Amino acid sequence: MSDEKRFLITPPPGLLPEAPAAPVEPEPERRVDEEHGDSATRRVLPRSPGVAFPLPSNPMGGAAAPVTAAESASAPAAAPQTPARSVSTPSGEAEVPTGEHPAQLGPWTIRLPDGTAQLVTTAGVVLGRNPVVPERWPAAERLRIHDPERTVSSTHALLIVVGATLRLVDLGSTNGVAVTSAGVREKVAGADGVKVGDPAEIELGSFHLRVARG
């Protein structure tokens, strides 16, 4: 026996404290890499207490932070959204200003005592018991007037629209032509006649008719 081993004294059991056992690490979880088909090892971290809800999609990219049950209960309820209302406006229409607007004037019309009506245009209307169209107004229409007293000539007068006005021309009648408008009576003379008011009463001899717009 050597001199070093001769002086070693072994203590009896239970006299010295036992050394603490080494911590046992959890067995690493083995997952299968589906892309490469081989096994890969990944350390799984311990989960924090509480139940986490599924992560909502993040429109700005990446995953949103998990929301715990405690945070969800303390969060204020979202206010209900009111659907936007569209105000329909007439697309393509201009605003009509307020105020008075002149009424649209209708065409000139002759009315005989028996109710017969005839429109007067820029072509003109020839009046008489049996009128003949003058050479000066070849497109004029003829309006025959039944006059038992025969005070109306065969071709008595012409009514014609000139611009926005109505004119009355005497075509060389025997008993003449007169027009009354706004209480004023005027004899018709001259090659271009006179302007007729709205409304007006026309005298062909002793025969009377009315003219007006609309």
N, C-alpha and C. Protein backbone atom coordinates (compact mmCIF):
# COMPACT_ATOMS: atom_id res chain seq x y z
N MET A 1 0.87 -1.19 0.00
CA MET A 1 0.00 0.00 0.00
C MET A 1 0.90 1.22 0.00
N SER A 2 0.49 2.22 -0.85
CA SER A 2 1.31 3.43 -0.94
C SER A 2 1.09 4.32 0.25
N ASP A 3 1.99 5.28 0.42
CA ASP A 3 1.90 6.20 1.57
C ASP A 3 0.69 7.12 1.43
N GLU A 4 0.26 7.54 0.16
CA GLU A 4 -0.86 8.46 -0.01
C GLU A 4 -2.16 7.83 0.40
N LYS A 5 -2.39 6.60 0.06
CA LYS A 5 -3.65 5.92 0.40
C LYS A 5 -3.70 5.52 1.87
N ARG A 6 -2.51 5.47 2.50
CA ARG A 6 -2.47 4.99 3.88
C ARG A 6 -3.16 6.00 4.80
N PHE A 7 -3.11 7.30 4.53
CA PHE A 7 -3.63 8.31 5.44
C PHE A 7 -5.05 8.78 5.05
N LEU A 8 -5.77 8.27 3.98
CA LEU A 8 -7.13 8.64 3.60
C LEU A 8 -8.11 7.94 4.49
N ILE A 9 -9.03 8.74 5.11
CA ILE A 9 -10.05 8.18 6.01
C ILE A 9 -11.39 8.39 5.36
N THR A 10 -12.16 7.36 5.13
CA THR A 10 -13.47 7.44 4.50
C THR A 10 -14.52 7.72 5.55
N PRO A 11 -15.32 8.81 5.45
CA PRO A 11 -16.35 9.12 6.47
C PRO A 11 -17.48 8.12 6.40
N PRO A 12 -18.11 7.93 7.53
CA PRO A 12 -19.24 6.98 7.53
C PRO A 12 -20.42 7.52 6.73
N PRO A 13 -21.33 6.66 6.25
CA PRO A 13 -22.51 7.11 5.45
C PRO A 13 -23.41 8.00 6.28
N GLY A 14 -24.00 9.10 5.60
CA GLY A 14 -24.92 10.03 6.24
C GLY A 14 -24.25 11.18 6.92
N LEU A 15 -22.88 11.15 7.06
CA LEU A 15 -22.22 12.25 7.72
C LEU A 15 -22.14 13.49 6.86
N LEU A 16 -21.87 13.35 5.55
CA LEU A 16 -21.77 14.50 4.63
C LEU A 16 -23.07 14.65 3.85
N PRO A 17 -23.53 15.92 3.58
CA PRO A 17 -24.79 16.12 2.77
C PRO A 17 -24.58 15.70 1.32
N GLU A 18 -25.67 15.17 0.80
CA GLU A 18 -25.58 14.73 -0.59
C GLU A 18 -25.66 15.93 -1.55
N ALA A 19 -24.94 15.80 -2.63
CA ALA A 19 -24.94 16.89 -3.63
C ALA A 19 -26.28 16.95 -4.35
N PRO A 20 -26.81 18.17 -4.62
CA PRO A 20 -28.13 18.28 -5.32
C PRO A 20 -28.06 17.67 -6.71
N ALA A 21 -29.19 17.05 -7.02
CA ALA A 21 -29.25 16.41 -8.35
C ALA A 21 -29.35 17.47 -9.44
N ALA A 22 -28.77 17.17 -10.57
CA ALA A 22 -28.80 18.13 -11.71
C ALA A 22 -30.21 18.21 -12.29
N PRO A 23 -30.69 19.46 -12.65
CA PRO A 23 -32.06 19.58 -13.22
C PRO A 23 -32.18 18.83 -14.53
N VAL A 24 -33.34 18.25 -14.65
CA VAL A 24 -33.61 17.47 -15.87
C VAL A 24 -34.29 18.37 -16.89
N GLU A 25 -33.66 18.57 -18.02
CA GLU A 25 -34.24 19.40 -19.08
C GLU A 25 -35.33 18.64 -19.80
N PRO A 26 -36.37 19.38 -20.23
CA PRO A 26 -37.45 18.67 -20.97
C PRO A 26 -36.94 18.11 -22.29
N GLU A 27 -37.53 17.00 -22.60
CA GLU A 27 -37.17 16.34 -23.86
C GLU A 27 -37.54 17.25 -25.03
N PRO A 28 -36.60 17.59 -25.87
CA PRO A 28 -36.93 18.46 -27.01
C PRO A 28 -37.95 17.82 -27.93
N GLU A 29 -38.91 18.69 -28.35
CA GLU A 29 -39.99 18.21 -29.23
C GLU A 29 -39.46 18.04 -30.64
N ARG A 30 -39.78 16.94 -31.18
CA ARG A 30 -39.33 16.64 -32.53
C ARG A 30 -40.49 16.84 -33.50
N ARG A 31 -40.27 17.73 -34.46
CA ARG A 31 -41.28 18.02 -35.48
C ARG A 31 -40.74 17.62 -36.84
N VAL A 32 -41.61 17.39 -37.71
CA VAL A 32 -41.24 16.95 -39.05
C VAL A 32 -41.33 18.12 -39.99
N ASP A 33 -40.29 18.40 -40.68
CA ASP A 33 -40.28 19.45 -41.69
C ASP A 33 -41.00 18.93 -42.92
N GLU A 34 -42.22 19.45 -43.13
CA GLU A 34 -43.04 18.92 -44.23
C GLU A 34 -42.44 19.25 -45.58
N GLU A 35 -41.68 20.37 -45.63
CA GLU A 35 -41.15 20.79 -46.92
C GLU A 35 -40.01 19.87 -47.35
N HIS A 36 -39.07 19.52 -46.36
CA HIS A 36 -37.91 18.73 -46.75
C HIS A 36 -38.09 17.26 -46.42
N GLY A 37 -39.08 16.93 -45.61
CA GLY A 37 -39.34 15.52 -45.32
C GLY A 37 -38.44 14.93 -44.25
N ASP A 38 -37.49 15.69 -43.68
CA ASP A 38 -36.62 15.15 -42.64
C ASP A 38 -37.05 15.72 -41.31
N SER A 39 -36.47 15.17 -40.23
CA SER A 39 -36.83 15.62 -38.90
C SER A 39 -36.01 16.83 -38.53
N ALA A 40 -36.62 17.75 -37.79
CA ALA A 40 -35.94 18.94 -37.32
C ALA A 40 -36.27 19.14 -35.87
N THR A 41 -35.33 19.64 -35.12
CA THR A 41 -35.51 19.84 -33.69
C THR A 41 -35.69 21.31 -33.41
N ARG A 42 -36.72 21.63 -32.63
CA ARG A 42 -37.00 23.02 -32.27
C ARG A 42 -37.37 23.06 -30.82
N ARG A 43 -36.77 24.00 -30.09
CA ARG A 43 -37.07 24.12 -28.67
C ARG A 43 -38.39 24.86 -28.50
N VAL A 44 -39.31 24.25 -27.70
CA VAL A 44 -40.62 24.83 -27.45
C VAL A 44 -40.56 25.61 -26.17
N LEU A 45 -40.88 26.93 -26.24
CA LEU A 45 -40.85 27.77 -25.05
C LEU A 45 -42.09 27.54 -24.22
N PRO A 46 -42.00 27.68 -22.91
CA PRO A 46 -43.20 27.50 -22.05
C PRO A 46 -44.21 28.59 -22.33
N ARG A 47 -45.49 28.24 -22.31
CA ARG A 47 -46.57 29.18 -22.59
C ARG A 47 -46.87 30.03 -21.38
N SER A 48 -47.22 31.30 -21.62
CA SER A 48 -47.57 32.21 -20.54
C SER A 48 -48.96 31.88 -20.05
N PRO A 49 -49.27 32.18 -18.79
CA PRO A 49 -50.63 31.89 -18.27
C PRO A 49 -51.68 32.72 -18.98
N GLY A 50 -52.88 32.20 -19.02
CA GLY A 50 -53.98 32.87 -19.70
C GLY A 50 -54.26 32.23 -21.05
N VAL A 51 -55.47 32.46 -21.53
CA VAL A 51 -55.90 31.89 -22.81
C VAL A 51 -55.77 32.96 -23.88
N ALA A 52 -55.03 32.67 -24.92
CA ALA A 52 -54.86 33.64 -26.01
C ALA A 52 -55.87 33.36 -27.10
N PHE A 53 -56.46 34.43 -27.64
CA PHE A 53 -57.41 34.30 -28.74
C PHE A 53 -56.66 34.19 -30.06
N PRO A 54 -57.30 33.68 -31.09
CA PRO A 54 -56.64 33.59 -32.40
C PRO A 54 -56.19 34.97 -32.87
N LEU A 55 -55.08 35.03 -33.53
CA LEU A 55 -54.53 36.29 -34.01
C LEU A 55 -55.28 36.77 -35.22
N PRO A 56 -55.79 37.99 -35.19
CA PRO A 56 -56.45 38.52 -36.39
C PRO A 56 -55.42 38.88 -37.43
N SER A 57 -55.87 38.96 -38.65
CA SER A 57 -54.97 39.35 -39.73
C SER A 57 -54.60 40.81 -39.59
N ASN A 58 -53.37 41.12 -39.90
CA ASN A 58 -52.86 42.48 -39.78
C ASN A 58 -52.78 43.10 -41.16
N PRO A 59 -53.62 44.11 -41.47
CA PRO A 59 -53.59 44.68 -42.82
C PRO A 59 -52.28 45.36 -43.16
N MET A 60 -51.46 45.73 -42.14
CA MET A 60 -50.21 46.41 -42.41
C MET A 60 -49.06 45.44 -42.58
N GLY A 61 -49.34 44.15 -42.51
CA GLY A 61 -48.28 43.15 -42.68
C GLY A 61 -47.83 42.63 -41.34
N GLY A 62 -47.50 41.33 -41.27
CA GLY A 62 -47.06 40.71 -40.03
C GLY A 62 -48.23 40.28 -39.20
N ALA A 63 -47.94 39.64 -38.10
CA ALA A 63 -48.99 39.11 -37.23
C ALA A 63 -49.27 40.10 -36.12
N ALA A 64 -50.54 40.24 -35.74
CA ALA A 64 -50.92 41.14 -34.66
C ALA A 64 -50.60 40.50 -33.34
N ALA A 65 -50.44 41.32 -32.28
CA ALA A 65 -50.12 40.81 -30.95
C ALA A 65 -51.31 40.06 -30.39
N PRO A 66 -51.06 38.97 -29.66
CA PRO A 66 -52.18 38.19 -29.09
C PRO A 66 -52.92 38.99 -28.05
N VAL A 67 -54.20 38.74 -27.92
CA VAL A 67 -55.07 39.41 -26.96
C VAL A 67 -55.51 38.39 -25.95
N THR A 68 -55.25 38.63 -24.68
CA THR A 68 -55.64 37.70 -23.63
C THR A 68 -57.07 37.91 -23.25
N ALA A 69 -57.62 36.95 -22.49
CA ALA A 69 -59.01 37.04 -22.07
C ALA A 69 -59.23 38.22 -21.15
N ALA A 70 -58.23 38.53 -20.29
CA ALA A 70 -58.39 39.66 -19.37
C ALA A 70 -58.43 40.97 -20.12
N GLU A 71 -57.55 41.12 -21.15
CA GLU A 71 -57.55 42.36 -21.92
C GLU A 71 -58.82 42.52 -22.74
N SER A 72 -59.35 41.40 -23.24
CA SER A 72 -60.58 41.46 -24.02
C SER A 72 -61.77 41.88 -23.18
N ALA A 73 -61.80 41.43 -21.93
CA ALA A 73 -62.93 41.78 -21.06
C ALA A 73 -62.88 43.24 -20.65
N SER A 74 -61.63 43.79 -20.47
CA SER A 74 -61.52 45.19 -20.03
C SER A 74 -61.62 46.18 -21.17
N ALA A 75 -61.50 45.72 -22.43
CA ALA A 75 -61.53 46.64 -23.57
C ALA A 75 -62.94 47.16 -23.78
N PRO A 76 -63.12 48.47 -24.07
CA PRO A 76 -64.48 49.01 -24.31
C PRO A 76 -65.06 48.45 -25.60
N ALA A 77 -66.38 48.28 -25.58
CA ALA A 77 -67.07 47.75 -26.76
C ALA A 77 -67.01 48.76 -27.88
N ALA A 78 -66.80 48.25 -29.10
CA ALA A 78 -66.72 49.12 -30.26
C ALA A 78 -68.10 49.68 -30.59
N ALA A 79 -68.15 50.96 -30.92
CA ALA A 79 -69.43 51.59 -31.25
C ALA A 79 -69.92 51.08 -32.59
N PRO A 80 -71.21 50.80 -32.70
CA PRO A 80 -71.74 50.32 -33.99
C PRO A 80 -71.58 51.37 -35.06
N GLN A 81 -71.17 50.93 -36.23
CA GLN A 81 -70.97 51.84 -37.34
C GLN A 81 -72.28 52.07 -38.08
N THR A 82 -72.53 53.34 -38.35
CA THR A 82 -73.74 53.71 -39.09
C THR A 82 -73.43 53.74 -40.57
N PRO A 83 -74.18 53.02 -41.40
CA PRO A 83 -73.89 53.03 -42.84
C PRO A 83 -74.02 54.43 -43.41
N ALA A 84 -73.09 54.76 -44.28
CA ALA A 84 -73.11 56.08 -44.91
C ALA A 84 -74.30 56.21 -45.84
N ARG A 85 -74.93 57.35 -45.78
CA ARG A 85 -76.07 57.61 -46.65
C ARG A 85 -75.65 58.52 -47.78
N SER A 86 -76.03 58.16 -48.95
CA SER A 86 -75.71 58.99 -50.11
C SER A 86 -76.89 59.89 -50.43
N VAL A 87 -76.57 61.10 -50.68
CA VAL A 87 -77.60 62.08 -51.03
C VAL A 87 -77.66 62.15 -52.54
N SER A 88 -78.77 61.71 -53.04
CA SER A 88 -78.93 61.72 -54.49
C SER A 88 -79.15 63.14 -54.97
N THR A 89 -78.36 63.47 -55.94
CA THR A 89 -78.52 64.79 -56.53
C THR A 89 -78.68 64.62 -58.01
N PRO A 90 -79.43 65.37 -58.55
CA PRO A 90 -79.59 65.26 -59.99
C PRO A 90 -78.28 65.53 -60.71
N SER A 91 -77.68 64.26 -61.20
CA SER A 91 -76.47 64.37 -61.94
C SER A 91 -76.72 64.99 -63.27
N GLY A 92 -75.87 66.18 -63.82
CA GLY A 92 -76.00 66.76 -65.14
C GLY A 92 -77.00 67.88 -65.27
N GLU A 93 -77.76 68.29 -64.11
CA GLU A 93 -78.77 69.35 -64.20
C GLU A 93 -78.25 70.63 -63.54
N ALA A 94 -78.45 71.81 -64.21
CA ALA A 94 -78.04 73.09 -63.65
C ALA A 94 -79.09 73.62 -62.68
N GLU A 95 -78.64 74.36 -61.66
CA GLU A 95 -79.57 74.93 -60.70
C GLU A 95 -80.42 76.01 -61.36
N VAL A 96 -81.69 75.98 -61.01
CA VAL A 96 -82.62 76.99 -61.54
C VAL A 96 -82.68 78.13 -60.57
N PRO A 97 -82.27 79.32 -60.95
CA PRO A 97 -82.31 80.45 -60.01
C PRO A 97 -83.74 80.81 -59.64
N THR A 98 -83.88 81.35 -58.44
CA THR A 98 -85.21 81.74 -58.00
C THR A 98 -85.61 83.05 -58.65
N GLY A 99 -86.89 83.33 -58.60
CA GLY A 99 -87.39 84.57 -59.19
C GLY A 99 -88.36 84.30 -60.31
N GLU A 100 -88.85 85.35 -60.89
CA GLU A 100 -89.83 85.25 -61.96
C GLU A 100 -89.16 84.82 -63.26
N HIS A 101 -89.84 83.99 -64.01
CA HIS A 101 -89.36 83.55 -65.32
C HIS A 101 -90.43 83.86 -66.35
N PRO A 102 -90.04 84.38 -67.48
CA PRO A 102 -91.05 84.64 -68.50
C PRO A 102 -91.67 83.36 -69.02
N ALA A 103 -92.97 83.37 -69.17
CA ALA A 103 -93.67 82.18 -69.65
C ALA A 103 -93.38 81.98 -71.14
N GLN A 104 -93.34 80.72 -71.54
CA GLN A 104 -93.15 80.42 -72.95
C GLN A 104 -94.42 80.79 -73.71
N LEU A 105 -94.25 81.65 -74.73
CA LEU A 105 -95.40 82.10 -75.51
C LEU A 105 -95.69 81.11 -76.62
N GLY A 106 -96.94 80.81 -76.80
CA GLY A 106 -97.35 79.88 -77.84
C GLY A 106 -97.47 80.55 -79.19
N PRO A 107 -97.91 79.81 -80.18
CA PRO A 107 -98.05 80.38 -81.52
C PRO A 107 -99.26 81.30 -81.61
N TRP A 108 -99.23 82.13 -82.63
CA TRP A 108 -100.36 83.02 -82.88
C TRP A 108 -101.52 82.21 -83.49
N THR A 109 -102.73 82.53 -83.05
CA THR A 109 -103.91 81.79 -83.51
C THR A 109 -105.03 82.77 -83.86
N ILE A 110 -105.71 82.54 -85.00
CA ILE A 110 -106.91 83.30 -85.38
C ILE A 110 -108.12 82.48 -84.96
N ARG A 111 -109.13 83.16 -84.40
CA ARG A 111 -110.36 82.48 -84.02
C ARG A 111 -111.55 83.22 -84.64
N LEU A 112 -112.33 82.45 -85.40
CA LEU A 112 -113.53 83.00 -86.01
C LEU A 112 -114.71 82.88 -85.06
N PRO A 113 -115.78 83.63 -85.29
CA PRO A 113 -116.96 83.56 -84.41
C PRO A 113 -117.56 82.17 -84.32
N ASP A 114 -117.45 81.35 -85.36
CA ASP A 114 -118.02 80.01 -85.30
C ASP A 114 -117.11 79.00 -84.61
N GLY A 115 -115.98 79.43 -84.05
CA GLY A 115 -115.07 78.53 -83.33
C GLY A 115 -113.91 78.02 -84.16
N THR A 116 -113.89 78.30 -85.44
CA THR A 116 -112.80 77.86 -86.29
C THR A 116 -111.50 78.56 -85.87
N ALA A 117 -110.40 77.76 -85.77
CA ALA A 117 -109.10 78.30 -85.37
C ALA A 117 -108.07 77.99 -86.44
N GLN A 118 -107.17 78.92 -86.63
CA GLN A 118 -106.12 78.76 -87.64
C GLN A 118 -104.83 79.33 -87.08
N LEU A 119 -103.74 78.54 -87.19
CA LEU A 119 -102.44 79.03 -86.75
C LEU A 119 -101.86 79.99 -87.77
N VAL A 120 -101.15 80.99 -87.28
CA VAL A 120 -100.47 81.95 -88.15
C VAL A 120 -98.96 81.70 -88.03
N THR A 121 -98.30 81.51 -89.15
CA THR A 121 -96.87 81.24 -89.17
C THR A 121 -96.14 82.33 -89.96
N THR A 122 -94.84 82.11 -90.17
CA THR A 122 -94.06 83.06 -90.96
C THR A 122 -94.42 83.01 -92.44
N ALA A 123 -95.17 81.98 -92.83
CA ALA A 123 -95.63 81.92 -94.22
C ALA A 123 -96.81 82.85 -94.45
N GLY A 124 -97.61 83.09 -93.40
CA GLY A 124 -98.75 84.00 -93.52
C GLY A 124 -100.05 83.29 -93.80
N VAL A 125 -101.18 83.99 -93.53
CA VAL A 125 -102.53 83.50 -93.79
C VAL A 125 -103.30 84.61 -94.52
N VAL A 126 -103.88 84.26 -95.66
CA VAL A 126 -104.68 85.21 -96.44
C VAL A 126 -106.14 85.04 -96.05
N LEU A 127 -106.81 86.16 -95.72
CA LEU A 127 -108.20 86.16 -95.28
C LEU A 127 -109.09 86.75 -96.39
N GLY A 128 -110.30 86.14 -96.56
CA GLY A 128 -111.26 86.66 -97.54
C GLY A 128 -112.35 85.65 -97.79
N ARG A 129 -113.35 86.11 -98.54
CA ARG A 129 -114.45 85.19 -98.85
C ARG A 129 -113.98 84.07 -99.80
N ASN A 130 -113.11 84.39 -100.70
CA ASN A 130 -112.50 83.39 -101.59
C ASN A 130 -111.10 83.88 -101.95
N PRO A 131 -110.16 83.82 -100.96
CA PRO A 131 -108.88 84.51 -101.12
C PRO A 131 -107.97 83.87 -102.17
N VAL A 132 -107.15 84.74 -102.76
CA VAL A 132 -106.11 84.32 -103.69
C VAL A 132 -104.76 84.65 -103.06
N VAL A 133 -103.83 83.73 -103.16
CA VAL A 133 -102.51 83.93 -102.56
C VAL A 133 -101.75 85.01 -103.32
N PRO A 134 -101.26 86.06 -102.65
CA PRO A 134 -100.54 87.13 -103.34
C PRO A 134 -99.16 86.66 -103.80
N GLU A 135 -98.63 87.31 -104.83
CA GLU A 135 -97.31 86.93 -105.32
C GLU A 135 -96.22 87.25 -104.30
N ARG A 136 -96.46 88.27 -103.50
CA ARG A 136 -95.45 88.65 -102.51
C ARG A 136 -95.29 87.60 -101.43
N TRP A 137 -96.37 86.85 -101.12
CA TRP A 137 -96.32 85.80 -100.10
C TRP A 137 -96.83 84.49 -100.70
N PRO A 138 -96.07 83.83 -101.54
CA PRO A 138 -96.57 82.66 -102.26
C PRO A 138 -96.81 81.44 -101.38
N ALA A 139 -96.20 81.40 -100.20
CA ALA A 139 -96.37 80.24 -99.32
C ALA A 139 -97.51 80.42 -98.32
N ALA A 140 -98.24 81.52 -98.41
CA ALA A 140 -99.30 81.78 -97.44
C ALA A 140 -100.45 80.80 -97.59
N GLU A 141 -101.10 80.50 -96.46
CA GLU A 141 -102.28 79.63 -96.46
C GLU A 141 -103.53 80.49 -96.64
N ARG A 142 -104.59 79.87 -97.09
CA ARG A 142 -105.84 80.60 -97.31
C ARG A 142 -106.86 80.22 -96.24
N LEU A 143 -107.59 81.24 -95.75
CA LEU A 143 -108.66 81.02 -94.79
C LEU A 143 -109.92 81.72 -95.30
N ARG A 144 -110.87 80.88 -95.68
CA ARG A 144 -112.12 81.43 -96.24
C ARG A 144 -113.05 81.83 -95.10
N ILE A 145 -113.67 83.01 -95.27
CA ILE A 145 -114.58 83.56 -94.27
C ILE A 145 -115.98 83.62 -94.87
N HIS A 146 -116.92 83.02 -94.14
CA HIS A 146 -118.31 83.05 -94.58
C HIS A 146 -118.94 84.34 -94.04
N ASP A 147 -119.26 85.25 -94.98
CA ASP A 147 -119.82 86.55 -94.60
C ASP A 147 -121.07 86.80 -95.44
N PRO A 148 -122.26 86.48 -94.87
CA PRO A 148 -123.49 86.69 -95.65
C PRO A 148 -123.70 88.14 -96.06
N GLU A 149 -123.20 89.12 -95.27
CA GLU A 149 -123.40 90.53 -95.59
C GLU A 149 -122.46 91.01 -96.69
N ARG A 150 -121.50 90.18 -97.02
CA ARG A 150 -120.55 90.47 -98.09
C ARG A 150 -119.79 91.78 -97.86
N THR A 151 -119.49 92.05 -96.63
CA THR A 151 -118.64 93.22 -96.32
C THR A 151 -117.16 92.84 -96.40
N VAL A 152 -116.86 91.56 -96.48
CA VAL A 152 -115.49 91.06 -96.59
C VAL A 152 -115.18 90.86 -98.06
N SER A 153 -114.07 91.38 -98.50
CA SER A 153 -113.66 91.22 -99.90
C SER A 153 -113.20 89.79 -100.16
N SER A 154 -113.14 89.42 -101.43
CA SER A 154 -112.68 88.06 -101.79
C SER A 154 -111.27 87.82 -101.27
N THR A 155 -110.36 88.76 -101.49
CA THR A 155 -109.02 88.71 -100.90
C THR A 155 -108.87 90.00 -100.10
N HIS A 156 -109.04 89.85 -98.78
CA HIS A 156 -109.21 91.04 -97.96
C HIS A 156 -107.92 91.47 -97.24
N ALA A 157 -107.28 90.56 -96.49
CA ALA A 157 -106.15 90.96 -95.65
C ALA A 157 -105.19 89.78 -95.48
N LEU A 158 -104.03 90.09 -94.92
CA LEU A 158 -102.99 89.07 -94.65
C LEU A 158 -102.49 89.23 -93.23
N LEU A 159 -102.42 88.12 -92.52
CA LEU A 159 -101.77 88.06 -91.20
C LEU A 159 -100.48 87.26 -91.37
N ILE A 160 -99.36 87.77 -90.83
CA ILE A 160 -98.08 87.08 -90.98
C ILE A 160 -97.21 87.35 -89.77
N VAL A 161 -96.45 86.32 -89.36
CA VAL A 161 -95.52 86.44 -88.23
C VAL A 161 -94.18 86.92 -88.77
N VAL A 162 -93.69 88.02 -88.20
CA VAL A 162 -92.39 88.58 -88.57
C VAL A 162 -91.56 88.68 -87.30
N GLY A 163 -90.58 87.80 -87.18
CA GLY A 163 -89.80 87.75 -85.94
C GLY A 163 -90.66 87.26 -84.79
N ALA A 164 -90.80 88.09 -83.77
CA ALA A 164 -91.63 87.73 -82.62
C ALA A 164 -92.96 88.46 -82.63
N THR A 165 -93.26 89.17 -83.69
CA THR A 165 -94.49 89.96 -83.75
C THR A 165 -95.41 89.46 -84.85
N LEU A 166 -96.66 89.87 -84.75
CA LEU A 166 -97.68 89.57 -85.76
C LEU A 166 -98.07 90.87 -86.46
N ARG A 167 -98.09 90.82 -87.78
CA ARG A 167 -98.44 92.02 -88.56
C ARG A 167 -99.69 91.73 -89.39
N LEU A 168 -100.48 92.79 -89.62
CA LEU A 168 -101.72 92.73 -90.40
C LEU A 168 -101.59 93.69 -91.58
N VAL A 169 -101.84 93.14 -92.77
CA VAL A 169 -101.67 93.91 -94.01
C VAL A 169 -103.01 93.94 -94.76
N ASP A 170 -103.41 95.12 -95.19
CA ASP A 170 -104.62 95.26 -96.02
C ASP A 170 -104.22 94.98 -97.47
N LEU A 171 -104.92 94.05 -98.11
CA LEU A 171 -104.60 93.65 -99.48
C LEU A 171 -105.49 94.35 -100.51
N GLY A 172 -105.83 95.58 -100.19
CA GLY A 172 -106.66 96.35 -101.13
C GLY A 172 -108.13 96.04 -101.01
N SER A 173 -108.61 95.86 -99.77
CA SER A 173 -110.01 95.53 -99.55
C SER A 173 -110.91 96.74 -99.84
N THR A 174 -112.21 96.44 -100.01
CA THR A 174 -113.18 97.51 -100.29
C THR A 174 -113.54 98.28 -99.03
N ASN A 175 -113.78 97.58 -97.94
CA ASN A 175 -114.24 98.21 -96.70
C ASN A 175 -113.14 98.42 -95.66
N GLY A 176 -111.91 98.10 -95.99
CA GLY A 176 -110.80 98.40 -95.11
C GLY A 176 -110.62 97.39 -93.97
N VAL A 177 -109.55 97.63 -93.24
CA VAL A 177 -109.17 96.75 -92.12
C VAL A 177 -108.83 97.63 -90.93
N ALA A 178 -109.26 97.18 -89.74
CA ALA A 178 -108.92 97.87 -88.50
C ALA A 178 -108.56 96.82 -87.44
N VAL A 179 -107.74 97.25 -86.46
CA VAL A 179 -107.35 96.35 -85.37
C VAL A 179 -107.46 97.11 -84.06
N THR A 180 -108.00 96.42 -83.02
CA THR A 180 -108.16 97.01 -81.70
C THR A 180 -107.38 96.17 -80.69
N SER A 181 -106.48 96.83 -79.95
CA SER A 181 -105.69 96.13 -78.94
C SER A 181 -105.47 97.07 -77.76
N ALA A 182 -105.67 96.57 -76.55
CA ALA A 182 -105.52 97.36 -75.32
C ALA A 182 -106.40 98.60 -75.35
N GLY A 183 -107.58 98.48 -75.97
CA GLY A 183 -108.53 99.58 -76.01
C GLY A 183 -108.24 100.61 -77.07
N VAL A 184 -107.24 100.39 -77.92
CA VAL A 184 -106.87 101.36 -78.95
C VAL A 184 -107.20 100.77 -80.31
N ARG A 185 -108.00 101.50 -81.10
CA ARG A 185 -108.39 101.05 -82.43
C ARG A 185 -107.52 101.78 -83.47
N GLU A 186 -107.00 101.00 -84.44
CA GLU A 186 -106.10 101.56 -85.44
C GLU A 186 -106.48 101.06 -86.83
N LYS A 187 -106.56 101.97 -87.77
CA LYS A 187 -106.81 101.60 -89.16
C LYS A 187 -105.50 101.08 -89.78
N VAL A 188 -105.63 100.06 -90.64
CA VAL A 188 -104.47 99.45 -91.26
C VAL A 188 -104.24 100.09 -92.62
N ALA A 189 -103.01 100.53 -92.83
CA ALA A 189 -102.65 101.13 -94.11
C ALA A 189 -101.18 100.86 -94.37
N GLY A 190 -100.78 101.01 -95.62
CA GLY A 190 -99.39 100.81 -95.98
C GLY A 190 -99.11 99.40 -96.44
N ALA A 191 -98.02 99.27 -97.21
CA ALA A 191 -97.67 97.97 -97.78
C ALA A 191 -97.24 96.96 -96.72
N ASP A 192 -96.67 97.43 -95.60
CA ASP A 192 -96.20 96.51 -94.54
C ASP A 192 -97.19 96.38 -93.39
N GLY A 193 -98.33 97.09 -93.46
CA GLY A 193 -99.36 96.95 -92.44
C GLY A 193 -98.95 97.50 -91.09
N VAL A 194 -99.59 96.93 -90.03
CA VAL A 194 -99.36 97.39 -88.66
C VAL A 194 -99.08 96.18 -87.76
N LYS A 195 -98.49 96.50 -86.62
CA LYS A 195 -98.23 95.46 -85.62
C LYS A 195 -99.50 95.17 -84.84
N VAL A 196 -99.74 93.89 -84.58
CA VAL A 196 -100.95 93.45 -83.87
C VAL A 196 -100.57 93.08 -82.44
N GLY A 197 -101.34 93.60 -81.45
CA GLY A 197 -101.08 93.28 -80.05
C GLY A 197 -101.62 91.90 -79.68
N ASP A 198 -101.37 91.53 -78.44
CA ASP A 198 -101.80 90.22 -77.93
C ASP A 198 -102.58 90.42 -76.64
N PRO A 199 -103.87 90.12 -76.63
CA PRO A 199 -104.71 89.74 -77.78
C PRO A 199 -105.18 90.98 -78.52
N ALA A 200 -105.88 90.73 -79.63
CA ALA A 200 -106.40 91.84 -80.44
C ALA A 200 -107.65 91.38 -81.18
N GLU A 201 -108.46 92.37 -81.57
CA GLU A 201 -109.65 92.10 -82.38
C GLU A 201 -109.48 92.77 -83.74
N ILE A 202 -109.73 91.99 -84.78
CA ILE A 202 -109.54 92.47 -86.15
C ILE A 202 -110.90 92.65 -86.81
N GLU A 203 -111.05 93.77 -87.52
CA GLU A 203 -112.28 94.07 -88.25
C GLU A 203 -112.00 93.98 -89.75
N LEU A 204 -112.73 93.10 -90.42
CA LEU A 204 -112.70 93.01 -91.88
C LEU A 204 -114.08 93.46 -92.36
N GLY A 205 -114.21 94.71 -92.72
CA GLY A 205 -115.55 95.23 -92.99
C GLY A 205 -116.33 95.24 -91.70
N SER A 206 -117.48 94.51 -91.68
CA SER A 206 -118.27 94.38 -90.45
C SER A 206 -118.02 93.03 -89.77
N PHE A 207 -117.07 92.30 -90.28
CA PHE A 207 -116.78 90.96 -89.72
C PHE A 207 -115.64 91.08 -88.71
N HIS A 208 -115.82 90.44 -87.54
CA HIS A 208 -114.83 90.54 -86.47
C HIS A 208 -114.25 89.15 -86.17
N LEU A 209 -112.96 89.12 -85.92
CA LEU A 209 -112.29 87.89 -85.45
C LEU A 209 -111.22 88.28 -84.44
N ARG A 210 -110.76 87.31 -83.70
CA ARG A 210 -109.78 87.56 -82.62
C ARG A 210 -108.49 86.83 -82.92
N VAL A 211 -107.38 87.44 -82.50
CA VAL A 211 -106.08 86.80 -82.59
C VAL A 211 -105.40 86.89 -81.22
N ALA A 212 -104.63 85.86 -80.90
CA ALA A 212 -103.91 85.82 -79.60
C ALA A 212 -102.83 84.75 -79.70
N ARG A 213 -101.95 84.78 -78.73
CA ARG A 213 -100.88 83.77 -78.65
C ARG A 213 -101.29 82.66 -77.70
N GLY A 214 -101.06 81.44 -78.13
CA GLY A 214 -101.35 80.30 -77.27
C GLY A 214 -102.78 79.85 -77.35
